[in-house]
C-alpha atoms as a PDB file:
ATOM      1  CA  MET A   1     -35.704 239.012  70.280  1.00  0.00           C
ATOM      2  CA  SER A   2     -33.313 240.387  67.665  1.00  0.00           C
ATOM      3  CA  PHE A   3     -31.543 238.322  65.374  1.00  0.00           C
ATOM      4  CA  THR A   4     -27.796 238.926  64.824  1.00  0.00           C
ATOM      5  CA  PRO A   5     -26.367 239.198  61.561  1.00  0.00           C
ATOM      6  CA  GLU A   6     -26.043 235.470  61.264  1.00  0.00           C
ATOM      7  CA  GLN A   7     -28.960 234.365  61.910  1.00  0.00           C
ATOM      8  CA  GLU A   8     -30.860 236.767  59.813  1.00  0.00           C
ATOM      9  CA  ALA A   9     -28.819 235.621  56.841  1.00  0.00           C
ATOM     10  CA  GLU A  10     -29.675 231.895  58.168  1.00  0.00           C
ATOM     11  CA  LEU A  11     -33.016 232.340  58.233  1.00  0.00           C
ATOM     12  CA  LEU A  12     -33.537 234.130  55.181  1.00  0.00           C
ATOM     13  CA  ALA A  13     -32.059 231.134  52.950  1.00  0.00           C
ATOM     14  CA  LEU A  14     -34.151 228.840  54.855  1.00  0.00           C
ATOM     15  CA  LEU A  15     -37.282 230.544  53.672  1.00  0.00           C
ATOM     16  CA  ALA A  16     -35.292 230.534  50.440  1.00  0.00           C
ATOM     17  CA  ILE A  17     -35.174 227.036  50.157  1.00  0.00           C
ATOM     18  CA  THR A  18     -38.783 226.368  51.603  1.00  0.00           C
ATOM     19  CA  ASP A  19     -40.840 229.308  49.928  1.00  0.00           C
ATOM     20  CA  LYS A  20     -42.548 230.352  52.697  1.00  0.00           C
ATOM     21  CA  THR A  21     -42.849 232.632  55.425  1.00  0.00           C
ATOM     22  CA  ILE A  22     -42.109 232.210  59.505  1.00  0.00           C
ATOM     23  CA  SER A  23     -45.971 231.238  59.995  1.00  0.00           C
ATOM     24  CA  GLN A  24     -45.692 228.494  57.427  1.00  0.00           C
ATOM     25  CA  LEU A  25     -42.642 226.522  58.393  1.00  0.00           C
ATOM     26  CA  GLU A  26     -43.125 223.210  59.330  1.00  0.00           C
ATOM     27  CA  ALA A  27     -40.836 220.878  60.899  1.00  0.00           C
ATOM     28  CA  SER A  28     -40.401 217.834  58.621  1.00  0.00           C
ATOM     29  CA  PRO A  29     -41.237 214.046  59.822  1.00  0.00           C
ATOM     30  CA  ALA A  30     -37.810 213.607  59.432  1.00  0.00           C
ATOM     31  CA  LEU A  31     -36.706 216.329  61.407  1.00  0.00           C
ATOM     32  CA  THR A  32     -38.916 215.456  65.016  1.00  0.00           C
ATOM     33  CA  ASP A  33     -35.412 214.406  67.019  1.00  0.00           C
ATOM     34  CA  SER A  34     -35.669 216.630  70.016  1.00  0.00           C
ATOM     35  CA  MET A  35     -36.278 219.045  67.501  1.00  0.00           C
ATOM     36  CA  LEU A  36     -38.488 223.058  67.735  1.00  0.00           C
ATOM     37  CA  THR A  37     -40.758 223.750  65.532  1.00  0.00           C
ATOM     38  CA  PRO A  38     -40.882 227.797  64.806  1.00  0.00           C
ATOM     39  CA  VAL A  39     -44.118 229.257  64.931  1.00  0.00           C
ATOM     40  CA  GLU A  40     -45.302 232.511  64.225  1.00  0.00           C
ATOM     41  CA  ASN A  41     -44.416 235.661  66.377  1.00  0.00           C
ATOM     42  CA  SER A  42     -42.011 233.422  68.135  1.00  0.00           C
ATOM     43  CA  THR A  43     -38.328 234.334  67.433  1.00  0.00           C
ATOM     44  CA  GLY A  44     -37.258 232.546  70.718  1.00  0.00           C
ATOM     45  CA  THR A  45     -37.995 229.622  69.310  1.00  0.00           C
ATOM     46  CA  PHE A  46     -36.987 229.701  66.025  1.00  0.00           C
ATOM     47  CA  ALA A  47     -33.224 230.899  67.157  1.00  0.00           C
ATOM     48  CA  ALA A  48     -33.152 227.521  69.575  1.00  0.00           C
ATOM     49  CA  SER A  49     -33.878 225.682  66.367  1.00  0.00           C
ATOM     50  CA  MET A  50     -31.551 227.210  64.208  1.00  0.00           C
ATOM     51  CA  SER A  51     -28.720 224.619  65.164  1.00  0.00           C
ATOM     52  CA  LYS A  52     -31.261 221.714  64.036  1.00  0.00           C
ATOM     53  CA  PHE A  53     -32.092 223.132  61.020  1.00  0.00           C
ATOM     54  CA  LYS A  54     -28.312 224.078  60.479  1.00  0.00           C
ATOM     55  CA  ASP A  55     -27.379 220.111  60.910  1.00  0.00           C
ATOM     56  CA  TYR A  56     -30.114 219.322  58.183  1.00  0.00           C
ATOM     57  CA  LEU A  57     -28.831 221.688  55.598  1.00  0.00           C
ATOM     58  CA  ARG A  58     -25.392 220.192  55.882  1.00  0.00           C
ATOM     59  CA  LYS A  59     -26.914 216.577  55.656  1.00  0.00           C
ATOM     60  CA  ALA A  60     -24.255 214.943  53.394  1.00  0.00           C
ATOM     61  CA  PRO A  61     -25.562 213.339  50.231  1.00  0.00           C
ATOM     62  CA  THR A  62     -25.921 209.922  50.171  1.00  0.00           C
ATOM     63  CA  ILE A  63     -25.287 206.989  47.508  1.00  0.00           C
ATOM     64  CA  THR A  64     -26.992 203.591  46.413  1.00  0.00           C
ATOM     65  CA  LYS A  65     -25.761 201.142  44.225  1.00  0.00           C
ATOM     66  CA  LEU A  66     -28.357 199.170  42.378  1.00  0.00           C
ATOM     67  CA  THR A  67     -26.264 196.032  40.478  1.00  0.00           C
ATOM     68  CA  SER A  68     -28.507 193.288  39.309  1.00  0.00           C
ATOM     69  CA  GLY A  69     -31.948 192.786  38.870  1.00  0.00           C
ATOM     70  CA  SER A  70     -35.285 195.168  38.747  1.00  0.00           C
ATOM     71  CA  GLY A  71     -37.622 196.656  41.353  1.00  0.00           C
ATOM     72  CA  THR A  72     -38.166 199.747  43.294  1.00  0.00           C
ATOM     73  CA  TYR A  73     -36.173 202.482  44.577  1.00  0.00           C
ATOM     74  CA  THR A  74     -37.625 204.807  47.106  1.00  0.00           C
ATOM     75  CA  THR A  75     -36.689 208.332  47.813  1.00  0.00           C
ATOM     76  CA  SER A  76     -35.118 208.735  51.056  1.00  0.00           C
ATOM     77  CA  ALA A  77     -37.360 211.681  53.453  1.00  0.00           C
ATOM     78  CA  GLY A  78     -36.169 215.135  53.112  1.00  0.00           C
ATOM     79  CA  ALA A  79     -34.194 214.664  49.347  1.00  0.00           C
ATOM     80  CA  LEU A  80     -34.330 217.529  47.607  1.00  0.00           C
ATOM     81  CA  TYR A  81     -33.023 216.144  44.027  1.00  0.00           C
ATOM     82  CA  LEU A  82     -31.075 212.721  42.157  1.00  0.00           C
ATOM     83  CA  ARG A  83     -28.331 212.679  40.528  1.00  0.00           C
ATOM     84  CA  VAL A  84     -28.802 209.213  38.531  1.00  0.00           C
ATOM     85  CA  ARG A  85     -26.007 207.725  36.181  1.00  0.00           C
ATOM     86  CA  GLN A  86     -26.333 204.585  35.023  1.00  0.00           C
ATOM     87  CA  VAL A  87     -25.167 202.377  31.838  1.00  0.00           C
ATOM     88  CA  GLY A  88     -26.753 199.709  29.620  1.00  0.00           C
ATOM     89  CA  GLY A  89     -25.262 196.260  29.342  1.00  0.00           C
ATOM     90  CA  GLY A  90     -22.190 195.852  26.679  1.00  0.00           C
ATOM     91  CA  GLY A  91     -22.836 193.453  23.981  1.00  0.00           C
ATOM     92  CA  GLY A  92     -20.891 190.184  24.003  1.00  0.00           C
ATOM     93  CA  GLY A  93     -17.757 189.433  21.557  1.00  0.00           C
ATOM     94  CA  ALA A  94     -18.112 186.943  17.881  1.00  0.00           C
ATOM     95  CA  GLY A  95     -16.649 183.688  17.439  1.00  0.00           C
ATOM     96  CA  SER A  96     -14.332 182.298  16.006  1.00  0.00           C
ATOM     97  CA  GLY A  97     -13.390 179.600  13.469  1.00  0.00           C
ATOM     98  CA  THR A  98     -12.292 178.572  10.476  1.00  0.00           C
ATOM     99  CA  ILE A  99     -12.828 180.024   7.023  1.00  0.00           C
ATOM    100  CA  ALA A 100     -13.616 176.679   5.564  1.00  0.00           C
ATOM    101  CA  ALA A 101     -16.429 176.075   8.095  1.00  0.00           C
ATOM    102  CA  ASN A 102     -17.383 179.655   8.594  1.00  0.00           C
ATOM    103  CA  ASN A 103     -19.954 178.796  11.754  1.00  0.00           C
ATOM    104  CA  HIS A 104     -18.789 181.079  14.582  1.00  0.00           C
ATOM    105  CA  GLY A 105     -21.514 182.564  16.845  1.00  0.00           C
ATOM    106  CA  SER A 106     -22.265 186.403  16.724  1.00  0.00           C
ATOM    107  CA  GLY A 107     -22.243 187.993  20.262  1.00  0.00           C
ATOM    108  CA  GLY A 108     -25.279 188.662  22.513  1.00  0.00           C
ATOM    109  CA  ASN A 109     -26.894 192.153  22.588  1.00  0.00           C
ATOM    110  CA  GLY A 110     -26.949 194.273  25.996  1.00  0.00           C
ATOM    111  CA  GLY A 111     -29.788 194.721  27.796  1.00  0.00           C
ATOM    112  CA  ALA A 112     -31.476 198.131  28.617  1.00  0.00           C
ATOM    113  CA  THR A 113     -30.733 199.897  32.186  1.00  0.00           C
ATOM    114  CA  THR A 114     -34.045 201.872  32.985  1.00  0.00           C
ATOM    115  CA  PHE A 115     -35.092 204.106  35.938  1.00  0.00           C
ATOM    116  CA  GLY A 116     -38.835 205.191  36.278  1.00  0.00           C
ATOM    117  CA  THR A 117     -41.458 204.731  34.186  1.00  0.00           C
ATOM    118  CA  SER A 118     -40.054 205.960  31.016  1.00  0.00           C
ATOM    119  CA  LEU A 119     -37.966 208.120  32.283  1.00  0.00           C
ATOM    120  CA  LEU A 120     -34.192 207.620  32.015  1.00  0.00           C
ATOM    121  CA  THR A 121     -32.912 204.793  29.555  1.00  0.00           C
ATOM    122  CA  ALA A 122     -29.680 203.206  28.654  1.00  0.00           C
ATOM    123  CA  ASN A 123     -29.496 201.265  26.019  1.00  0.00           C
ATOM    124  CA  GLY A 124     -27.236 197.935  25.388  1.00  0.00           C
ATOM    125  CA  GLY A 125     -24.540 197.961  23.233  1.00  0.00           C
ATOM    126  CA  ALA A 126     -25.163 195.217  20.463  1.00  0.00           C
ATOM    127  CA  GLY A 127     -23.032 191.757  20.213  1.00  0.00           C
ATOM    128  CA  GLY A 128     -20.462 191.564  17.619  1.00  0.00           C
ATOM    129  CA  GLY A 129     -21.207 189.581  14.470  1.00  0.00           C
ATOM    130  CA  GLY A 130     -20.124 185.987  13.019  1.00  0.00           C
ATOM    131  CA  THR A 131     -20.549 184.776  10.002  1.00  0.00           C
ATOM    132  CA  GLY A 132     -17.237 185.246   8.014  1.00  0.00           C
ATOM    133  CA  SER A 133     -15.404 188.697   9.486  1.00  0.00           C
ATOM    134  CA  GLY A 134     -18.239 190.143  11.251  1.00  0.00           C
ATOM    135  CA  ALA A 135     -18.676 193.938  12.376  1.00  0.00           C
ATOM    136  CA  GLY A 136     -18.040 195.670  15.499  1.00  0.00           C
ATOM    137  CA  GLY A 137     -21.502 195.832  17.754  1.00  0.00           C
ATOM    138  CA  LEU A 138     -22.787 199.708  17.800  1.00  0.00           C
ATOM    139  CA  GLY A 139     -23.090 201.283  20.967  1.00  0.00           C
ATOM    140  CA  GLY A 140     -26.538 201.689  23.234  1.00  0.00           C
ATOM    141  CA  SER A 141     -28.784 205.083  23.036  1.00  0.00           C
ATOM    142  CA  THR A 142     -29.676 206.713  25.978  1.00  0.00           C
ATOM    143  CA  THR A 143     -33.219 208.646  26.486  1.00  0.00           C
ATOM    144  CA  ILE A 144     -33.541 211.733  28.988  1.00  0.00           C
ATOM    145  CA  ASN A 145     -37.345 212.494  29.474  1.00  0.00           C
ATOM    146  CA  SER A 146     -38.874 215.452  31.609  1.00  0.00           C
ATOM    147  CA  PRO A 147     -38.356 216.423  34.431  1.00  0.00           C
ATOM    148  CA  ALA A 148     -35.336 214.921  34.409  1.00  0.00           C
ATOM    149  CA  TYR A 149     -32.268 216.534  32.571  1.00  0.00           C
ATOM    150  CA  GLY A 150     -28.424 215.920  32.274  1.00  0.00           C
ATOM    151  CA  THR A 151     -26.490 214.504  29.651  1.00  0.00           C
ATOM    152  CA  GLY A 152     -26.790 210.803  27.679  1.00  0.00           C
ATOM    153  CA  ILE A 153     -24.022 209.301  25.567  1.00  0.00           C
ATOM    154  CA  SER A 154     -23.983 206.655  23.150  1.00  0.00           C
ATOM    155  CA  GLY A 155     -21.835 203.563  24.124  1.00  0.00           C
ATOM    156  CA  GLY A 156     -18.960 202.966  21.723  1.00  0.00           C
ATOM    157  CA  THR A 157     -18.711 200.656  18.923  1.00  0.00           C
ATOM    158  CA  GLY A 158     -16.414 197.274  18.787  1.00  0.00           C
ATOM    159  CA  THR A 159     -14.094 196.346  16.544  1.00  0.00           C
ATOM    160  CA  SER A 160     -14.693 194.623  13.561  1.00  0.00           C
ATOM    161  CA  GLY A 161     -13.392 191.461  12.801  1.00  0.00           C
ATOM    162  CA  GLY A 162     -10.631 190.261  10.185  1.00  0.00           C
ATOM    163  CA  ILE A 163      -8.995 186.687   8.586  1.00  0.00           C
ATOM    164  CA  THR A 164      -5.818 185.299   9.895  1.00  0.00           C
ATOM    165  CA  VAL A 165      -3.076 184.102   7.716  1.00  0.00           C
ATOM    166  CA  ALA A 166      -2.266 180.565   7.076  1.00  0.00           C
ATOM    167  CA  ALA A 167       0.278 180.381   9.705  1.00  0.00           C
ATOM    168  CA  GLN A 168      -0.399 182.564  12.459  1.00  0.00           C
ATOM    169  CA  GLY A 169      -3.364 182.788  14.750  1.00  0.00           C
ATOM    170  CA  GLN A 170      -3.852 186.261  16.053  1.00  0.00           C
ATOM    171  CA  PHE A 171      -6.337 187.654  19.139  1.00  0.00           C
ATOM    172  CA  GLY A 172     -10.076 188.839  18.204  1.00  0.00           C
ATOM    173  CA  GLY A 173     -10.187 193.137  18.817  1.00  0.00           C
ATOM    174  CA  PRO A 174     -11.271 194.377  22.089  1.00  0.00           C
ATOM    175  CA  GLY A 175     -14.398 195.090  23.344  1.00  0.00           C
ATOM    176  CA  ALA A 176     -15.756 198.961  23.045  1.00  0.00           C
ATOM    177  CA  SER A 177     -15.366 200.464  26.812  1.00  0.00           C
ATOM    178  CA  SER A 178     -18.371 202.523  28.169  1.00  0.00           C
ATOM    179  CA  PHE A 179     -17.796 205.053  30.749  1.00  0.00           C
ATOM    180  CA  PHE A 180     -17.408 202.792  33.643  1.00  0.00           C
ATOM    181  CA  GLY A 181     -14.279 201.647  32.109  1.00  0.00           C
ATOM    182  CA  GLY A 182     -13.378 198.003  32.275  1.00  0.00           C
ATOM    183  CA  ALA A 183     -13.475 196.244  28.715  1.00  0.00           C
ATOM    184  CA  SER A 184     -12.678 193.280  28.085  1.00  0.00           C
ATOM    185  CA  GLY A 185      -9.067 193.000  26.066  1.00  0.00           C
ATOM    186  CA  ARG A 186      -9.347 189.237  24.756  1.00  0.00           C
ATOM    187  CA  GLY A 187     -11.402 186.587  24.115  1.00  0.00           C
ATOM    188  CA  ASP A 188     -11.408 184.953  27.061  1.00  0.00           C
ATOM    189  CA  VAL A 189     -11.571 187.439  29.467  1.00  0.00           C
ATOM    190  CA  ALA A 190     -15.057 188.953  30.308  1.00  0.00           C
ATOM    191  CA  SER A 191     -15.823 192.170  30.500  1.00  0.00           C
ATOM    192  CA  ALA A 192     -16.294 193.949  33.920  1.00  0.00           C
ATOM    193  CA  THR A 193     -19.401 193.271  35.882  1.00  0.00           C
ATOM    194  CA  ASN A 194     -21.496 196.077  35.818  1.00  0.00           C
ATOM    195  CA  SER A 195     -19.266 198.039  33.251  1.00  0.00           C
ATOM    196  CA  GLY A 196     -21.606 198.091  30.548  1.00  0.00           C
ATOM    197  CA  SER A 197     -18.490 197.135  28.525  1.00  0.00           C
ATOM    198  CA  GLY A 198     -18.435 195.591  25.416  1.00  0.00           C
ATOM    199  CA  GLY A 199     -16.974 191.933  25.080  1.00  0.00           C
ATOM    200  CA  ALA A 200     -13.670 191.179  23.222  1.00  0.00           C
ATOM    201  CA  ALA A 201     -14.311 188.689  19.727  1.00  0.00           C
ATOM    202  CA  GLY A 202     -12.743 185.113  20.341  1.00  0.00           C
ATOM    203  CA  LEU A 203      -9.197 184.132  19.771  1.00  0.00           C
ATOM    204  CA  ALA A 204      -8.610 182.825  15.799  1.00  0.00           C
ATOM    205  CA  ASN A 205      -6.385 180.187  14.848  1.00  0.00           C
ATOM    206  CA  ALA A 206      -4.384 180.293  11.997  1.00  0.00           C
ATOM    207  CA  SER A 207      -6.513 180.353   8.649  1.00  0.00           C
ATOM    208  CA  SER A 208      -9.548 181.184  10.458  1.00  0.00           C
ATOM    209  CA  TYR A 209     -12.224 184.460  10.543  1.00  0.00           C
ATOM    210  CA  ILE A 210     -12.448 186.761  13.486  1.00  0.00           C
ATOM    211  CA  GLY A 211     -15.426 187.863  14.436  1.00  0.00           C
ATOM    212  CA  GLY A 212     -16.325 191.545  15.552  1.00  0.00           C
ATOM    213  CA  SER A 213     -16.315 192.722  19.680  1.00  0.00           C
ATOM    214  CA  GLY A 214     -19.230 193.901  21.002  1.00  0.00           C
ATOM    215  CA  GLY A 215     -20.799 197.449  21.929  1.00  0.00           C
ATOM    216  CA  ALA A 216     -20.376 199.246  24.963  1.00  0.00           C
ATOM    217  CA  GLY A 217     -23.836 200.204  26.546  1.00  0.00           C
ATOM    218  CA  GLY A 218     -25.452 203.709  26.682  1.00  0.00           C
ATOM    219  CA  PHE A 219     -24.356 206.329  29.761  1.00  0.00           C
ATOM    220  CA  ILE A 220     -26.544 208.366  31.258  1.00  0.00           C
ATOM    221  CA  ASP A 221     -25.952 211.367  34.009  1.00  0.00           C
ATOM    222  CA  ALA A 222     -29.022 213.863  35.082  1.00  0.00           C
ATOM    223  CA  ILE A 223     -30.564 215.356  37.479  1.00  0.00           C
ATOM    224  CA  ILE A 224     -34.185 214.559  39.109  1.00  0.00           C
ATOM    225  CA  PRO A 225     -35.689 217.325  40.885  1.00  0.00           C
ATOM    226  CA  SER A 226     -38.323 217.632  43.156  1.00  0.00           C
ATOM    227  CA  PRO A 227     -38.478 213.362  43.228  1.00  0.00           C
ATOM    228  CA  SER A 228     -41.128 211.365  43.374  1.00  0.00           C
ATOM    229  CA  ALA A 229     -41.630 208.456  46.351  1.00  0.00           C
ATOM    230  CA  THR A 230     -40.657 205.599  44.515  1.00  0.00           C
ATOM    231  CA  TYR A 231     -39.339 205.233  40.781  1.00  0.00           C
ATOM    232  CA  SER A 232     -38.701 201.293  39.270  1.00  0.00           C
ATOM    233  CA  TYR A 233     -35.836 200.284  37.941  1.00  0.00           C
ATOM    234  CA  ALA A 234     -33.909 197.140  36.112  1.00  0.00           C
ATOM    235  CA  VAL A 235     -30.148 196.900  35.690  1.00  0.00           C
ATOM    236  CA  ALA A 236     -29.297 195.224  32.453  1.00  0.00           C
ATOM    237  CA  SER A 237     -27.912 192.132  31.704  1.00  0.00           C
ATOM    238  CA  ALA A 238     -24.390 191.569  29.888  1.00  0.00           C
ATOM    239  CA  GLY A 239     -24.500 190.105  26.322  1.00  0.00           C
ATOM    240  CA  THR A 240     -23.472 186.534  26.019  1.00  0.00           C
ATOM    241  CA  SER A 241     -20.110 185.791  23.891  1.00  0.00           C
ATOM    242  CA  GLY A 242     -20.522 184.433  20.958  1.00  0.00           C
ATOM    243  CA  ALA A 243     -20.102 180.711  20.409  1.00  0.00           C
ATOM    244  CA  ALA A 244     -17.354 178.691  18.951  1.00  0.00           C
ATOM    245  CA  GLY A 245     -17.085 177.400  15.196  1.00  0.00           C
ATOM    246  CA  THR A 246     -15.194 174.619  13.983  1.00  0.00           C
ATOM    247  CA  GLY A 247     -11.446 175.025  15.104  1.00  0.00           C
ATOM    248  CA  GLY A 248     -12.289 178.685  17.011  1.00  0.00           C
ATOM    249  CA  ASN A 249     -12.657 179.950  20.477  1.00  0.00           C
ATOM    250  CA  ALA A 250     -15.738 181.561  21.596  1.00  0.00           C
ATOM    251  CA  GLY A 251     -15.850 185.280  22.033  1.00  0.00           C
ATOM    252  CA  ALA A 252     -16.248 187.092  25.610  1.00  0.00           C
ATOM    253  CA  THR A 253     -18.931 187.995  27.789  1.00  0.00           C
ATOM    254  CA  GLY A 254     -19.979 191.849  27.950  1.00  0.00           C
ATOM    255  CA  GLY A 255     -19.980 194.031  31.020  1.00  0.00           C
ATOM    256  CA  SER A 256     -23.512 194.293  32.974  1.00  0.00           C
ATOM    257  CA  GLY A 257     -25.578 197.572  33.578  1.00  0.00           C
ATOM    258  CA  TYR A 258     -24.768 199.400  36.514  1.00  0.00           C
ATOM    259  CA  ILE A 259     -27.311 202.285  38.597  1.00  0.00           C
ATOM    260  CA  GLU A 260     -26.002 204.939  41.092  1.00  0.00           C
ATOM    261  CA  ILE A 261     -27.919 206.830  42.725  1.00  0.00           C
ATOM    262  CA  THR A 262     -26.845 210.023  44.729  1.00  0.00           C
ATOM    263  CA  GLU A 263     -29.567 211.947  47.163  1.00  0.00           C
ATOM    264  CA  TYR A 264     -29.271 215.516  47.904  1.00  0.00           C
ATOM    265  CA  TYR A 265     -30.974 217.275  50.661  1.00  0.00           C
ATOM    266  CA  PHE A 266     -32.007 220.617  52.107  1.00  0.00           C
END
């Protein structure tokens, strides 16, 4: 039996993907649903199963969203590569308080979001500084190790604090926004869950210190070729809010981390 030009092109493409000759082709365990396995010197068998190979080649990518906690991610059978996007936790905003007391608290640091053992790490943003006109929290750094490759961007730095005038209160600075947005704009509103953005500093009353706002978590967009069967993961917790000082207000919590895994198939 001879191949049509279309069948020949599809066969060549398939052989290029698998890096095998027709005598070496085997059905994947994921492809056993009524599929005929091509065998050596059996072009008729190959032609009969071509439509199922085409269905497999055209399988749509699937997306898994990990929003909290830690555990083990299991790669689906037949996945050619993974695209992983992740962000570390956002730092919390500092509180505010009177200048005389100067006892407002700093925001907590966001946690690190990890995928794989020392493979992908998106560190959390630092909490905003309290005690006086605190500094804005620094953004989280990122690490991408082989065989993964892609882009890692450090999170933005939070807003530094200040001092209010004698007769007027003032909102604290907004938290730094991550790649996913959702940053807190004021001290009584937390950053969006799974955004990795920093929390705003607390509202300051008259004659008060304003603390710094939280930094954003680092962001990663990476490809993992020839993925392993399983990967450990941990989704970052958010940075806690800084405590209110005398006559002041607490800051806002940062946004927790996030992992999004897209599987692409043959």
